N, C-alpha and C. Protein backbone atom coordinates (compact mmCIF):
# COMPACT_ATOMS: atom_id res chain seq x y z
N MET A 1 102.92 69.42 94.02
CA MET A 1 102.46 71.02 94.76
C MET A 1 103.20 70.84 95.68
N VAL A 2 104.36 72.00 95.85
CA VAL A 2 104.37 72.27 97.77
C VAL A 2 103.61 72.61 98.46
N THR A 3 103.86 71.82 99.73
CA THR A 3 102.47 72.35 101.04
C THR A 3 103.77 74.05 101.81
N PRO A 4 102.56 74.91 101.02
CA PRO A 4 103.59 75.85 102.29
C PRO A 4 103.30 76.39 103.58
N THR A 5 104.34 76.91 104.20
CA THR A 5 104.76 77.40 105.18
C THR A 5 103.94 77.98 105.92
N VAL A 6 103.71 78.07 107.47
CA VAL A 6 102.57 79.55 108.28
C VAL A 6 103.56 79.16 109.57
N GLY A 7 104.65 80.68 109.69
CA GLY A 7 104.97 80.57 110.41
C GLY A 7 103.91 81.34 111.52
N VAL A 8 105.21 81.43 112.95
CA VAL A 8 104.64 81.70 113.80
C VAL A 8 106.01 82.36 115.29
N LEU A 9 105.39 83.73 114.52
CA LEU A 9 106.43 84.78 115.49
C LEU A 9 106.78 83.74 116.72
N ALA A 10 107.87 83.00 117.37
CA ALA A 10 107.43 83.27 118.96
C ALA A 10 108.39 83.38 119.69
N LEU A 11 108.44 84.42 119.91
CA LEU A 11 109.47 85.55 120.84
C LEU A 11 109.22 85.90 122.05
N GLN A 12 107.54 85.39 122.16
CA GLN A 12 106.93 86.13 122.70
C GLN A 12 105.70 85.87 123.12
N GLY A 13 104.58 86.38 124.07
CA GLY A 13 103.48 86.00 123.72
C GLY A 13 102.34 84.39 123.16
N ALA A 14 101.38 84.84 122.87
CA ALA A 14 100.64 83.76 122.68
C ALA A 14 100.94 82.58 121.62
N PHE A 15 101.86 82.18 120.29
CA PHE A 15 102.46 81.48 119.67
C PHE A 15 101.69 80.59 120.37
N ALA A 16 102.04 80.23 120.65
CA ALA A 16 102.06 78.09 120.57
C ALA A 16 99.88 77.95 120.18
N ALA A 17 99.28 78.95 121.32
CA ALA A 17 97.78 78.95 120.93
C ALA A 17 97.26 78.98 119.27
N HIS A 18 98.15 80.01 118.17
CA HIS A 18 98.44 80.21 117.11
C HIS A 18 99.22 78.60 116.22
N ALA A 19 99.89 78.38 116.87
CA ALA A 19 100.40 77.16 115.69
C ALA A 19 99.15 75.76 116.09
N ALA A 20 98.83 75.68 117.41
CA ALA A 20 97.71 74.26 117.32
C ALA A 20 96.97 75.07 116.09
N ILE A 21 96.26 75.87 116.85
CA ILE A 21 95.17 75.97 114.71
C ILE A 21 95.51 75.35 113.70
N LEU A 22 96.60 76.10 113.95
CA LEU A 22 97.63 75.87 112.76
C LEU A 22 97.14 75.22 111.83
N ASP A 23 97.32 74.06 113.39
CA ASP A 23 97.92 72.34 113.27
C ASP A 23 97.19 71.82 113.12
N ARG A 24 96.09 72.31 113.22
CA ARG A 24 94.28 71.37 113.34
C ARG A 24 93.46 71.45 111.83
N LEU A 25 94.27 72.91 111.50
CA LEU A 25 93.86 73.16 110.26
C LEU A 25 93.66 72.50 108.93
N GLY A 26 95.38 71.26 109.14
CA GLY A 26 95.94 70.43 108.82
C GLY A 26 97.57 71.28 107.52
N VAL A 27 97.63 72.35 108.63
CA VAL A 27 99.00 73.31 107.90
C VAL A 27 100.59 73.29 108.17
N THR A 28 101.52 73.50 108.27
CA THR A 28 103.02 72.58 108.62
C THR A 28 103.29 74.41 108.92
N THR A 29 103.56 74.65 110.30
CA THR A 29 103.71 75.45 110.50
C THR A 29 104.88 74.87 111.22
N ILE A 30 105.66 76.17 111.56
CA ILE A 30 107.02 76.57 112.10
C ILE A 30 107.25 78.25 113.43
N GLU A 31 107.68 77.68 114.36
CA GLU A 31 108.01 78.47 115.62
C GLU A 31 109.32 79.37 114.68
N VAL A 32 109.03 80.54 114.78
CA VAL A 32 109.99 81.32 114.17
C VAL A 32 110.85 82.35 115.32
N ARG A 33 112.29 82.20 115.47
CA ARG A 33 112.85 83.04 115.80
C ARG A 33 113.57 82.97 115.60
N THR A 34 114.26 82.81 114.09
CA THR A 34 115.58 83.08 113.67
C THR A 34 115.22 84.05 112.15
N GLU A 35 116.12 84.62 112.10
CA GLU A 35 116.20 85.31 110.56
C GLU A 35 115.77 83.92 109.29
N GLN A 36 116.93 82.66 109.03
CA GLN A 36 116.79 81.35 108.37
C GLN A 36 115.51 81.09 108.21
N GLN A 37 114.53 80.78 109.91
CA GLN A 37 113.29 80.45 109.52
C GLN A 37 112.44 80.91 108.95
N LEU A 38 112.61 82.57 109.59
CA LEU A 38 111.78 83.55 108.58
C LEU A 38 111.51 83.70 107.21
N ALA A 39 113.42 83.68 106.89
CA ALA A 39 113.12 83.68 105.28
C ALA A 39 112.73 82.47 104.76
N SER A 40 112.04 81.55 105.82
CA SER A 40 112.40 80.24 105.19
C SER A 40 109.79 79.88 104.96
N VAL A 41 109.50 81.01 105.27
CA VAL A 41 108.48 80.28 105.24
C VAL A 41 107.53 81.65 104.77
N ASP A 42 106.24 80.68 103.77
CA ASP A 42 105.22 81.58 103.18
C ASP A 42 104.23 82.50 103.67
N ALA A 43 104.20 83.13 104.97
CA ALA A 43 102.89 83.83 105.72
C ALA A 43 103.25 83.32 106.98
N LEU A 44 102.99 84.65 108.01
CA LEU A 44 103.48 84.61 109.71
C LEU A 44 102.15 84.82 110.18
N VAL A 45 102.10 84.60 111.41
CA VAL A 45 100.90 84.80 112.63
C VAL A 45 102.13 85.89 113.10
N ILE A 46 101.88 86.59 113.96
CA ILE A 46 102.29 87.81 114.56
C ILE A 46 101.59 87.60 115.86
N PRO A 47 101.77 86.79 117.75
CA PRO A 47 100.60 86.50 118.08
C PRO A 47 99.96 87.76 118.48
N GLY A 48 99.48 87.59 119.93
CA GLY A 48 99.26 88.51 121.01
C GLY A 48 100.03 88.71 122.16
N GLY A 49 100.38 89.27 122.86
CA GLY A 49 101.39 89.42 124.37
C GLY A 49 101.93 90.89 124.22
N GLU A 50 102.95 91.46 124.57
CA GLU A 50 103.56 92.02 125.44
C GLU A 50 104.17 93.37 123.79
N SER A 51 103.20 94.13 123.13
CA SER A 51 104.34 94.44 122.03
C SER A 51 105.66 95.43 122.73
N THR A 52 105.46 95.93 123.75
CA THR A 52 107.27 97.36 123.93
C THR A 52 108.23 95.64 123.32
N THR A 53 107.94 94.63 124.47
CA THR A 53 108.41 93.60 125.09
C THR A 53 109.16 92.74 123.69
N MET A 54 108.33 92.87 122.91
CA MET A 54 108.00 92.34 121.40
C MET A 54 108.76 92.79 120.68
N SER A 55 108.79 94.32 120.80
CA SER A 55 109.31 94.66 119.46
C SER A 55 110.79 95.04 119.64
N MET A 56 111.47 94.59 121.21
CA MET A 56 112.97 95.02 121.35
C MET A 56 113.09 93.49 121.60
N LEU A 57 112.47 92.38 121.28
CA LEU A 57 113.06 91.01 121.18
C LEU A 57 113.09 91.10 120.07
N LEU A 58 112.68 91.87 118.86
CA LEU A 58 112.49 91.68 117.57
C LEU A 58 114.05 92.05 117.08
N GLU A 59 113.84 93.41 117.76
CA GLU A 59 115.47 93.79 117.36
C GLU A 59 116.74 93.27 118.50
N ARG A 60 116.61 92.62 119.56
CA ARG A 60 117.93 92.18 120.09
C ARG A 60 118.19 90.91 118.69
N SER A 61 117.10 89.95 118.48
CA SER A 61 116.99 88.89 117.80
C SER A 61 117.15 89.24 116.43
N GLY A 62 117.92 90.29 115.88
CA GLY A 62 118.12 90.46 114.92
C GLY A 62 117.39 90.09 113.26
N LEU A 63 116.04 90.19 113.80
CA LEU A 63 114.71 89.71 113.22
C LEU A 63 113.77 91.16 112.23
N LEU A 64 114.13 92.13 112.71
CA LEU A 64 112.84 93.25 113.26
C LEU A 64 113.53 93.89 111.24
N GLU A 65 114.53 93.83 111.20
CA GLU A 65 114.78 94.64 109.28
C GLU A 65 114.34 93.64 108.39
N PRO A 66 115.12 92.06 108.77
CA PRO A 66 114.46 90.93 108.12
C PRO A 66 113.10 91.32 108.27
N LEU A 67 112.15 91.53 109.46
CA LEU A 67 110.33 90.85 109.23
C LEU A 67 110.10 92.24 107.90
N ARG A 68 110.74 93.84 108.29
CA ARG A 68 110.01 94.74 107.51
C ARG A 68 110.15 94.35 106.29
N ALA A 69 111.15 93.82 106.10
CA ALA A 69 111.76 93.77 104.14
C ALA A 69 110.69 92.71 104.29
N ARG A 70 110.26 91.61 104.51
CA ARG A 70 109.87 91.07 104.12
C ARG A 70 107.98 91.53 103.95
N VAL A 71 107.67 92.00 104.97
CA VAL A 71 106.77 93.06 104.71
C VAL A 71 105.90 93.47 103.59
N ALA A 72 107.31 93.99 104.01
CA ALA A 72 106.85 95.80 102.73
C ALA A 72 106.85 94.65 101.58
N GLY A 73 107.40 92.91 101.23
CA GLY A 73 107.71 92.88 99.97
C GLY A 73 106.69 91.38 99.76
N GLY A 74 105.54 91.86 100.94
CA GLY A 74 104.22 91.34 100.77
C GLY A 74 104.37 89.52 100.96
N LEU A 75 104.31 89.90 101.69
CA LEU A 75 104.50 88.53 102.71
C LEU A 75 102.83 88.81 103.37
N ALA A 76 102.49 88.10 103.37
CA ALA A 76 101.21 87.31 104.20
C ALA A 76 101.23 87.76 105.41
N VAL A 77 100.30 88.78 106.31
CA VAL A 77 100.70 88.62 107.96
C VAL A 77 99.64 88.38 108.34
N PHE A 78 99.56 88.16 109.31
CA PHE A 78 98.59 87.67 110.89
C PHE A 78 98.62 87.67 111.69
N GLY A 79 98.28 88.87 112.17
CA GLY A 79 98.94 89.69 113.80
C GLY A 79 97.53 89.75 114.35
N THR A 80 97.65 89.55 115.88
CA THR A 80 96.77 89.68 116.98
C THR A 80 96.84 90.56 118.39
N CYS A 81 96.77 91.33 118.51
CA CYS A 81 97.18 92.19 119.70
C CYS A 81 97.91 92.38 120.39
N ALA A 82 99.71 92.43 119.87
CA ALA A 82 100.43 92.88 120.28
C ALA A 82 100.61 93.15 118.81
N GLY A 83 100.56 92.49 118.14
CA GLY A 83 100.88 92.26 116.38
C GLY A 83 100.04 93.30 115.22
N LEU A 84 99.09 93.30 115.81
CA LEU A 84 98.49 94.63 115.22
C LEU A 84 99.40 95.70 115.60
N ILE A 85 99.18 95.99 117.15
CA ILE A 85 100.40 96.82 117.43
C ILE A 85 101.33 96.84 116.74
N LEU A 86 102.21 96.56 116.69
CA LEU A 86 103.56 95.86 116.04
C LEU A 86 103.02 96.27 114.44
N LEU A 87 102.69 95.89 113.69
CA LEU A 87 101.85 95.86 111.97
C LEU A 87 101.32 97.28 111.83
N ALA A 88 100.85 98.51 112.85
CA ALA A 88 100.17 99.60 112.81
C ALA A 88 101.73 100.42 111.60
N SER A 89 101.07 101.47 111.39
CA SER A 89 102.05 102.70 111.14
C SER A 89 102.18 103.33 111.43
N GLU A 90 101.40 103.59 112.99
CA GLU A 90 101.61 104.37 114.42
C GLU A 90 100.44 104.01 114.72
N ILE A 91 101.71 104.09 116.64
CA ILE A 91 101.40 103.67 117.55
C ILE A 91 101.79 104.96 118.43
N ARG A 92 99.61 105.42 119.34
CA ARG A 92 100.57 106.78 119.35
C ARG A 92 100.49 106.51 121.02
N ASP A 93 100.64 105.34 121.81
CA ASP A 93 101.59 105.06 123.24
C ASP A 93 102.85 105.07 123.50
N GLY A 94 103.01 104.86 122.17
CA GLY A 94 104.10 103.38 122.30
C GLY A 94 105.25 104.07 123.27
N ARG A 95 106.22 103.31 123.00
CA ARG A 95 107.31 104.22 123.91
C ARG A 95 107.82 104.39 123.00
N HIS A 96 109.26 105.54 122.99
CA HIS A 96 110.00 106.11 122.01
C HIS A 96 110.82 105.04 121.30
N ASP A 97 111.77 103.99 121.24
CA ASP A 97 111.73 103.40 120.80
C ASP A 97 111.47 101.86 120.11
N GLN A 98 110.08 102.00 120.67
CA GLN A 98 108.84 100.93 120.19
C GLN A 98 108.95 100.92 118.81
N HIS A 99 109.35 100.16 117.98
CA HIS A 99 108.83 99.22 116.41
C HIS A 99 106.97 100.04 115.67
N ALA A 100 107.05 100.80 114.99
CA ALA A 100 105.85 100.08 113.69
C ALA A 100 106.56 100.10 112.76
N LEU A 101 105.64 98.66 112.06
CA LEU A 101 106.12 97.73 110.74
C LEU A 101 105.72 99.05 109.58
N GLY A 102 104.27 99.95 110.01
CA GLY A 102 104.35 99.86 108.89
C GLY A 102 103.16 99.81 107.73
N ALA A 103 103.60 98.22 108.33
CA ALA A 103 102.00 98.13 107.21
C ALA A 103 100.84 97.93 107.11
N LEU A 104 100.05 98.19 107.91
CA LEU A 104 98.19 98.84 107.02
C LEU A 104 98.38 100.49 107.96
N ASP A 105 97.64 101.57 107.23
CA ASP A 105 97.74 101.69 107.65
C ASP A 105 96.92 102.85 108.08
N MET A 106 97.29 102.70 109.60
CA MET A 106 96.25 102.79 110.25
C MET A 106 97.36 103.31 112.38
N THR A 107 96.58 104.07 112.90
CA THR A 107 96.97 104.04 114.08
C THR A 107 96.31 103.17 115.67
N VAL A 108 97.21 103.55 116.32
CA VAL A 108 97.16 102.59 117.35
C VAL A 108 96.99 103.25 119.14
N THR A 109 96.37 102.92 119.93
CA THR A 109 97.36 103.35 121.09
C THR A 109 96.24 101.49 121.43
N ARG A 110 97.47 101.47 122.33
CA ARG A 110 98.32 100.10 123.17
C ARG A 110 97.20 100.26 124.07
N ASN A 111 96.81 98.65 124.85
CA ASN A 111 96.12 98.78 125.90
C ASN A 111 95.23 99.72 125.99
N ALA A 112 94.24 100.25 125.34
CA ALA A 112 93.51 101.69 125.25
C ALA A 112 91.94 100.43 126.26
N TYR A 113 91.52 99.51 125.71
CA TYR A 113 90.30 99.33 126.40
C TYR A 113 90.81 99.01 127.46
N GLY A 114 91.60 98.67 128.43
CA GLY A 114 92.08 99.28 129.76
C GLY A 114 92.57 98.27 130.16
N ARG A 115 92.72 98.24 131.97
CA ARG A 115 94.09 96.80 132.47
C ARG A 115 93.37 95.72 131.91
N GLN A 116 94.08 94.40 132.72
CA GLN A 116 93.85 93.12 132.47
C GLN A 116 92.53 93.29 133.27
N ILE A 117 91.86 93.72 134.36
CA ILE A 117 90.84 93.67 135.06
C ILE A 117 89.42 93.79 134.10
N ASP A 118 89.88 94.57 132.53
CA ASP A 118 89.16 94.95 132.20
C ASP A 118 88.91 94.21 130.97
N SER A 119 89.69 93.35 131.08
CA SER A 119 89.32 92.44 129.39
C SER A 119 87.51 92.01 129.49
N PHE A 120 87.51 91.84 128.58
CA PHE A 120 86.22 91.46 128.54
C PHE A 120 85.78 90.54 126.78
N GLU A 121 84.54 89.95 126.78
CA GLU A 121 84.29 89.20 125.52
C GLU A 121 83.25 89.73 125.19
N SER A 122 83.43 89.74 123.52
CA SER A 122 81.87 90.00 123.01
C SER A 122 81.80 89.58 121.49
N ASP A 123 79.96 89.64 121.33
CA ASP A 123 79.84 88.08 119.93
C ASP A 123 79.85 89.75 118.59
N LEU A 124 81.31 89.18 117.65
CA LEU A 124 80.87 90.10 116.74
C LEU A 124 80.41 89.55 115.51
N ASP A 125 80.03 90.63 114.81
CA ASP A 125 79.58 90.54 112.96
C ASP A 125 80.38 90.90 112.04
N ILE A 126 81.17 90.07 111.27
CA ILE A 126 81.95 89.81 110.65
C ILE A 126 81.37 90.06 109.40
N VAL A 127 82.22 90.49 109.12
CA VAL A 127 81.60 90.39 107.00
C VAL A 127 82.09 89.45 106.92
N GLY A 128 80.66 88.37 106.07
CA GLY A 128 81.48 87.39 105.40
C GLY A 128 80.92 86.45 106.15
N PHE A 129 81.20 86.86 108.12
CA PHE A 129 80.70 85.38 108.41
C PHE A 129 78.88 85.28 108.92
N ASP A 130 78.36 84.18 108.60
CA ASP A 130 77.44 83.73 108.73
C ASP A 130 76.59 84.19 110.20
N THR A 131 77.49 83.52 111.23
CA THR A 131 77.07 83.62 112.61
C THR A 131 78.54 84.72 113.52
N PRO A 132 78.16 84.93 114.67
CA PRO A 132 78.92 86.24 114.84
C PRO A 132 79.89 84.89 115.46
N PHE A 133 80.90 85.98 115.39
CA PHE A 133 82.43 84.72 116.89
C PHE A 133 82.72 85.53 117.88
N HIS A 134 82.11 84.76 118.60
CA HIS A 134 83.22 84.54 119.48
C HIS A 134 84.65 85.48 120.38
N ALA A 135 84.68 86.62 120.72
CA ALA A 135 86.33 87.09 121.10
C ALA A 135 86.25 87.56 121.90
N VAL A 136 87.77 87.04 122.71
CA VAL A 136 88.41 87.54 123.82
C VAL A 136 89.02 88.54 123.79
N PHE A 137 88.88 90.28 124.69
CA PHE A 137 89.85 91.10 123.99
C PHE A 137 90.68 90.92 125.65
N ILE A 138 91.52 91.05 125.28
CA ILE A 138 92.31 91.52 126.81
C ILE A 138 93.73 92.11 126.38
N ARG A 139 93.63 93.12 127.67
CA ARG A 139 94.63 94.88 127.61
C ARG A 139 94.58 94.80 126.65
N ALA A 140 93.58 94.89 125.45
CA ALA A 140 93.36 95.31 123.80
C ALA A 140 94.11 96.69 123.55
N PRO A 141 94.46 96.63 121.94
CA PRO A 141 94.25 97.85 121.50
C PRO A 141 93.32 98.44 121.03
N VAL A 142 93.58 99.79 120.41
CA VAL A 142 92.15 100.66 120.13
C VAL A 142 92.61 101.19 118.64
N VAL A 143 92.01 100.76 118.01
CA VAL A 143 91.89 101.08 116.46
C VAL A 143 91.74 102.44 116.35
N GLU A 144 92.43 103.60 116.86
CA GLU A 144 92.29 104.98 116.27
C GLU A 144 91.49 105.45 114.93
N ARG A 145 92.12 104.92 114.20
CA ARG A 145 92.43 105.11 112.42
C ARG A 145 92.92 104.41 111.54
N VAL A 146 92.03 104.37 110.32
CA VAL A 146 92.20 103.64 109.48
C VAL A 146 91.91 104.60 108.45
N GLY A 147 92.96 103.29 107.39
CA GLY A 147 93.45 104.86 106.04
C GLY A 147 92.53 104.05 105.39
N GLU A 148 92.68 105.13 103.75
CA GLU A 148 91.10 104.09 103.16
C GLU A 148 91.69 103.18 102.38
N SER A 149 92.32 102.30 102.87
CA SER A 149 92.73 100.86 102.22
C SER A 149 92.67 99.81 102.72
N VAL A 150 92.05 100.07 103.50
CA VAL A 150 91.91 99.35 105.14
C VAL A 150 90.39 98.70 105.51
N GLU A 151 90.51 97.89 105.36
CA GLU A 151 88.71 97.50 104.91
C GLU A 151 88.95 96.49 106.13
N VAL A 152 87.13 97.75 106.78
CA VAL A 152 87.17 96.81 108.41
C VAL A 152 86.46 95.74 108.54
N LEU A 153 86.89 94.44 108.88
CA LEU A 153 85.99 93.30 108.71
C LEU A 153 84.75 93.34 110.18
N ALA A 154 85.39 94.13 111.88
CA ALA A 154 84.46 93.50 112.82
C ALA A 154 85.13 94.92 113.50
N ARG A 155 83.51 95.29 114.05
CA ARG A 155 83.28 96.45 115.34
C ARG A 155 82.98 96.31 116.56
N VAL A 156 83.45 96.80 117.12
CA VAL A 156 83.05 97.03 118.95
C VAL A 156 82.40 98.41 118.42
N GLY A 157 80.96 98.57 118.74
CA GLY A 157 80.41 99.77 118.68
C GLY A 157 81.44 100.37 117.75
N GLU A 158 81.65 101.58 117.37
CA GLU A 158 81.83 102.02 116.46
C GLU A 158 83.86 101.88 116.29
N ARG A 159 84.47 100.75 117.60
CA ARG A 159 85.87 100.80 116.92
C ARG A 159 86.41 99.46 115.76
N PRO A 160 86.89 100.32 115.16
CA PRO A 160 87.86 98.60 114.44
C PRO A 160 88.41 97.25 114.89
N VAL A 161 87.83 96.18 115.18
CA VAL A 161 88.83 95.38 115.24
C VAL A 161 89.31 94.69 115.06
N LEU A 162 88.42 93.88 113.80
CA LEU A 162 89.15 93.23 112.99
C LEU A 162 89.67 93.48 111.47
N CYS A 163 90.59 93.69 110.59
CA CYS A 163 91.07 94.54 109.91
C CYS A 163 91.96 94.36 108.85
N ARG A 164 91.26 94.20 107.48
CA ARG A 164 93.26 93.06 106.67
C ARG A 164 93.35 94.45 105.50
N GLN A 165 93.61 94.64 105.31
CA GLN A 165 94.80 95.59 103.80
C GLN A 165 95.72 94.74 103.39
N GLY A 166 95.76 94.71 101.68
CA GLY A 166 95.95 93.58 101.33
C GLY A 166 96.34 92.09 101.91
N ALA A 167 97.20 91.49 101.81
CA ALA A 167 97.94 90.42 102.80
C ALA A 167 97.87 90.67 104.06
N ILE A 168 97.91 92.03 104.62
CA ILE A 168 97.87 91.23 106.22
C ILE A 168 96.57 91.57 106.60
N THR A 169 96.01 91.05 107.56
CA THR A 169 94.85 90.59 108.66
C THR A 169 95.64 91.21 110.54
N VAL A 170 94.53 92.22 110.96
CA VAL A 170 95.49 92.13 111.88
C VAL A 170 93.30 91.86 112.73
N ALA A 171 94.48 91.71 113.87
CA ALA A 171 92.75 91.71 115.37
C ALA A 171 93.33 91.95 116.61
N SER A 172 92.41 93.33 116.88
CA SER A 172 92.29 94.09 118.51
C SER A 172 92.07 92.72 119.66
N PHE A 173 91.78 91.76 118.91
CA PHE A 173 91.65 90.55 119.43
C PHE A 173 91.82 89.07 119.95
N HIS A 174 92.13 88.11 120.55
CA HIS A 174 92.86 86.85 120.73
C HIS A 174 91.73 85.93 119.97
N PRO A 175 91.53 85.80 118.62
CA PRO A 175 90.55 84.55 117.34
C PRO A 175 91.53 83.11 118.35
N GLU A 176 92.79 83.14 118.27
CA GLU A 176 92.97 81.94 118.96
C GLU A 176 92.04 81.79 120.48
N LEU A 177 92.13 82.11 121.42
CA LEU A 177 91.52 82.14 122.25
C LEU A 177 90.24 81.57 122.47
N SER A 178 89.55 80.96 120.61
CA SER A 178 87.53 80.48 120.61
C SER A 178 88.25 79.54 120.31
N ASP A 179 87.30 78.51 120.53
CA ASP A 179 87.38 77.48 119.63
C ASP A 179 87.24 76.98 117.93
N ASP A 180 86.93 79.41 117.59
CA ASP A 180 86.55 79.16 116.45
C ASP A 180 87.47 79.35 115.57
N ASP A 181 87.83 78.77 114.11
CA ASP A 181 88.71 78.47 113.44
C ASP A 181 89.02 79.29 112.06
N ARG A 182 87.73 80.31 112.07
CA ARG A 182 86.91 81.02 111.04
C ARG A 182 87.55 82.17 110.35
N ILE A 183 88.76 82.94 111.36
CA ILE A 183 89.79 83.83 111.24
C ILE A 183 90.30 83.42 110.44
N HIS A 184 91.36 81.99 111.21
CA HIS A 184 92.29 81.76 110.82
C HIS A 184 92.60 80.68 109.34
N ARG A 185 91.31 80.32 109.18
CA ARG A 185 91.15 80.09 107.75
C ARG A 185 90.27 81.34 106.88
N ARG A 186 90.34 81.98 107.12
CA ARG A 186 89.53 82.76 106.12
C ARG A 186 90.74 83.93 105.38
N TRP A 187 92.16 83.71 107.01
CA TRP A 187 92.81 84.22 106.27
C TRP A 187 94.30 83.36 105.74
N LEU A 188 94.23 82.21 106.44
CA LEU A 188 94.78 81.38 104.62
C LEU A 188 94.26 81.50 103.48
N ALA A 189 93.03 81.98 103.56
CA ALA A 189 92.24 81.47 101.72
C ALA A 189 92.87 82.90 101.51
N ASP A 190 92.65 84.29 101.89
CA ASP A 190 93.12 85.47 101.31
C ASP A 190 94.70 85.81 101.17
N ALA A 191 95.56 84.65 102.09
CA ALA A 191 96.81 84.74 101.79
C ALA A 191 97.61 83.45 100.17
N GLY A 192 95.64 83.21 100.21
CA GLY A 192 96.32 81.51 98.72
C GLY A 192 96.68 80.10 99.58
N LEU A 193 96.52 80.01 100.82
CA LEU A 193 96.91 78.72 101.00
C LEU A 193 95.98 77.77 101.84
C-alpha cells in the first residue's frame, strides 16, 4: 500500500505548525513551493498568513494555475484563515489583483473580526465532536455567505467559522495553534487518507 503524501503550501504563513501536527499524526508531509512538489501530493494544506501576499507569491512562483487546476480536479484541501480566503469564490475586500480559487461557494471579508489586537479565542461546538474545540482567531476572515452545497460545521454566534464542501475544508481560525488535532484528523479521514 502506498503511503499518501500531504503537502503544506510553504510560501508564507503558518505552514510549519501544520506540518508538525501532520507529522505527529504519522502523515508523510512535504513543504510545497514548486509545481513539481504540488503535483506529487495527495492532499494539501493552505495555511494562515497574509492572503494578499500569499496570492502574489502563488502567481510569482508559477503555482497559481497548477493549484487552481488541482483544486478543480478534486484535490482534498484544508485551508485555514488566509487559506479560507484563497479558497472562497468571492473576496469582498480583497485587492483588485488578489486571486480567489473559487473552490467553495462562499463570500468572505478579510480581517473582518478586527486587527491583531482584536484577536480572540473561543470554545467551538463542532458538528460530530463530543467536546468543544478551543479555537484561536487572529485577524480572522468572516464568512458572509455560504452556498447550499457548503456544510457549516461550527459557528461563532451566527457566523460560520468551519465549513466543508466536497473535498475542501476551511476554518477562519488557526487549529494548528491548538494542541487538539481533531480537526486535522477529521480532514484526513474525510479526504480518505
